[in-house]
C-alpha atoms as a PDB file:
ATOM      1  CA  UNK A   1       0.000   0.000   0.000  1.00  0.00           C
ATOM      2  CA  UNK A   2       1.386   3.373  -1.018  1.00  0.00           C
ATOM      3  CA  UNK A   3       1.589   5.919   1.779  1.00  0.00           C
ATOM      4  CA  UNK A   4      -0.031   9.294   1.090  1.00  0.00           C
ATOM      5  CA  UNK A   5       2.282  12.314   1.454  1.00  0.00           C
ATOM      6  CA  UNK A   6       1.801  14.623   4.440  1.00  0.00           C
ATOM      7  CA  UNK A   7       0.711  17.712   2.508  1.00  0.00           C
ATOM      8  CA  UNK A   8      -1.929  15.743   0.606  1.00  0.00           C
ATOM      9  CA  UNK A   9      -3.136  14.250   3.890  1.00  0.00           C
ATOM     10  CA  UNK A  10      -3.340  17.750   5.397  1.00  0.00           C
ATOM     11  CA  UNK A  11      -5.577  18.928   2.537  1.00  0.00           C
ATOM     12  CA  UNK A  12      -7.767  15.820   2.809  1.00  0.00           C
ATOM     13  CA  UNK A  13      -8.036  16.218   6.595  1.00  0.00           C
ATOM     14  CA  UNK A  14      -9.349  19.755   6.063  1.00  0.00           C
ATOM     15  CA  UNK A  15     -12.451  18.179   4.462  1.00  0.00           C
ATOM     16  CA  UNK A  16     -12.784  15.116   6.742  1.00  0.00           C
ATOM     17  CA  UNK A  17     -16.347  16.118   7.713  1.00  0.00           C
ATOM     18  CA  UNK A  18     -17.471  16.780   4.123  1.00  0.00           C
ATOM     19  CA  UNK A  19     -17.814  13.592   2.016  1.00  0.00           C
ATOM     20  CA  UNK A  20     -18.688  15.436  -1.219  1.00  0.00           C
ATOM     21  CA  UNK A  21     -15.379  17.336  -1.219  1.00  0.00           C
ATOM     22  CA  UNK A  22     -13.446  14.216  -0.187  1.00  0.00           C
ATOM     23  CA  UNK A  23     -14.781  12.343  -3.228  1.00  0.00           C
ATOM     24  CA  UNK A  24     -13.780  15.280  -5.423  1.00  0.00           C
ATOM     25  CA  UNK A  25     -10.231  15.169  -4.012  1.00  0.00           C
ATOM     26  CA  UNK A  26      -9.778  11.390  -4.327  1.00  0.00           C
ATOM     27  CA  UNK A  27      -7.182  11.852  -7.126  1.00  0.00           C
ATOM     28  CA  UNK A  28      -4.952  13.681  -4.653  1.00  0.00           C
ATOM     29  CA  UNK A  29      -4.180  10.310  -3.015  1.00  0.00           C
ATOM     30  CA  UNK A  30      -2.169   9.135  -6.039  1.00  0.00           C
ATOM     31  CA  UNK A  31      -0.345  12.421  -6.636  1.00  0.00           C
ATOM     32  CA  UNK A  32       2.872  13.588  -5.046  1.00  0.00           C
ATOM     33  CA  UNK A  33       2.441  16.922  -3.237  1.00  0.00           C
ATOM     34  CA  UNK A  34       5.428  19.048  -2.204  1.00  0.00           C
ATOM     35  CA  UNK A  35       6.356  22.690  -1.542  1.00  0.00           C
ATOM     36  CA  UNK A  36       9.232  24.785  -2.765  1.00  0.00           C
ATOM     37  CA  UNK A  37       9.731  28.553  -2.586  1.00  0.00           C
ATOM     38  CA  UNK A  38       6.125  29.437  -1.851  1.00  0.00           C
ATOM     39  CA  UNK A  39       4.684  27.120  -4.494  1.00  0.00           C
ATOM     40  CA  UNK A  40       2.691  23.967  -3.759  1.00  0.00           C
ATOM     41  CA  UNK A  41       3.406  21.422  -6.493  1.00  0.00           C
ATOM     42  CA  UNK A  42       1.043  18.552  -7.269  1.00  0.00           C
ATOM     43  CA  UNK A  43       2.738  15.988  -9.510  1.00  0.00           C
ATOM     44  CA  UNK A  44       0.144  13.697 -11.108  1.00  0.00           C
ATOM     45  CA  UNK A  45       1.033  10.304 -12.609  1.00  0.00           C
ATOM     46  CA  UNK A  46      -1.485  10.406 -15.483  1.00  0.00           C
ATOM     47  CA  UNK A  47      -3.717  12.800 -17.461  1.00  0.00           C
ATOM     48  CA  UNK A  48      -6.878  11.547 -15.717  1.00  0.00           C
ATOM     49  CA  UNK A  49      -5.472  12.567 -12.341  1.00  0.00           C
ATOM     50  CA  UNK A  50      -4.470  15.961 -13.777  1.00  0.00           C
ATOM     51  CA  UNK A  51      -8.022  16.548 -15.001  1.00  0.00           C
ATOM     52  CA  UNK A  52      -9.469  15.576 -11.611  1.00  0.00           C
ATOM     53  CA  UNK A  53      -7.056  17.883  -9.759  1.00  0.00           C
ATOM     54  CA  UNK A  54      -7.784  20.803 -12.096  1.00  0.00           C
ATOM     55  CA  UNK A  55     -11.533  20.269 -11.584  1.00  0.00           C
ATOM     56  CA  UNK A  56     -10.972  20.279  -7.804  1.00  0.00           C
ATOM     57  CA  UNK A  57      -8.780  23.396  -7.936  1.00  0.00           C
ATOM     58  CA  UNK A  58     -10.956  25.541  -5.672  1.00  0.00           C
ATOM     59  CA  UNK A  59     -11.336  22.739  -3.136  1.00  0.00           C
ATOM     60  CA  UNK A  60      -7.555  22.422  -2.960  1.00  0.00           C
ATOM     61  CA  UNK A  61      -6.952  26.177  -2.901  1.00  0.00           C
ATOM     62  CA  UNK A  62      -9.092  26.875   0.173  1.00  0.00           C
ATOM     63  CA  UNK A  63      -7.108  24.828   2.740  1.00  0.00           C
ATOM     64  CA  UNK A  64      -3.799  25.867   1.176  1.00  0.00           C
ATOM     65  CA  UNK A  65      -4.744  29.544   1.479  1.00  0.00           C
ATOM     66  CA  UNK A  66      -6.265  29.248   4.957  1.00  0.00           C
ATOM     67  CA  UNK A  67      -3.217  27.404   6.302  1.00  0.00           C
ATOM     68  CA  UNK A  68      -0.890  29.709   4.324  1.00  0.00           C
ATOM     69  CA  UNK A  69       1.028  26.783   2.885  1.00  0.00           C
ATOM     70  CA  UNK A  70       1.871  28.454  -0.435  1.00  0.00           C
ATOM     71  CA  UNK A  71       1.276  31.505  -2.615  1.00  0.00           C
ATOM     72  CA  UNK A  72       0.311  29.485  -5.678  1.00  0.00           C
ATOM     73  CA  UNK A  73      -0.436  25.914  -6.735  1.00  0.00           C
ATOM     74  CA  UNK A  74       1.143  24.294  -9.786  1.00  0.00           C
ATOM     75  CA  UNK A  75      -0.109  21.013 -11.245  1.00  0.00           C
ATOM     76  CA  UNK A  76       2.528  18.919 -13.034  1.00  0.00           C
ATOM     77  CA  UNK A  77       2.458  15.913 -15.358  1.00  0.00           C
ATOM     78  CA  UNK A  78       5.692  14.347 -16.639  1.00  0.00           C
ATOM     79  CA  UNK A  79       7.593  17.210 -14.943  1.00  0.00           C
ATOM     80  CA  UNK A  80       5.913  19.820 -17.134  1.00  0.00           C
ATOM     81  CA  UNK A  81       3.581  22.450 -15.751  1.00  0.00           C
ATOM     82  CA  UNK A  82      -0.050  21.992 -16.776  1.00  0.00           C
ATOM     83  CA  UNK A  83      -1.793  24.771 -14.831  1.00  0.00           C
ATOM     84  CA  UNK A  84      -1.014  27.270 -12.058  1.00  0.00           C
ATOM     85  CA  UNK A  85      -3.545  28.618  -9.546  1.00  0.00           C
ATOM     86  CA  UNK A  86      -2.535  31.853  -7.786  1.00  0.00           C
ATOM     87  CA  UNK A  87      -3.948  32.176  -4.258  1.00  0.00           C
ATOM     88  CA  UNK A  88      -5.520  35.403  -3.028  1.00  0.00           C
ATOM     89  CA  UNK A  89      -5.164  35.599   0.763  1.00  0.00           C
ATOM     90  CA  UNK A  90      -7.233  38.793   0.976  1.00  0.00           C
ATOM     91  CA  UNK A  91     -10.439  36.901   0.115  1.00  0.00           C
ATOM     92  CA  UNK A  92      -9.989  34.347   2.915  1.00  0.00           C
ATOM     93  CA  UNK A  93     -12.150  34.967   5.972  1.00  0.00           C
ATOM     94  CA  UNK A  94     -10.519  34.079   9.279  1.00  0.00           C
END
C-alpha cells in the first residue's frame, strides 16, 4: 500500500467532515504533493489525475490559502507544468 504524502493528507483532513469534497479530491491520493519557494506542487502520474485535480482546484486552494502553505499551486504531469492557480489571501475569511 502506497503511503499518502503529508501535505496531501493535510488537505484531505481539512475536508474530513465533508464527504462530497473528499470524493472530489480522491485523485490527490495518487499524486505527489510538495512545496518549494512558496509554491505547492502537485505531480500527477497520469492525465486523468491531472483533469481531476484541475476540476478540484478551488477545493484544494481553500485549505492551502487558509493554512498559508503556499502563494500558488502548480499542477505537473511528466515534470511539465499543466496549470497554475494563484492564491488570493485577501479573500480568505478568518
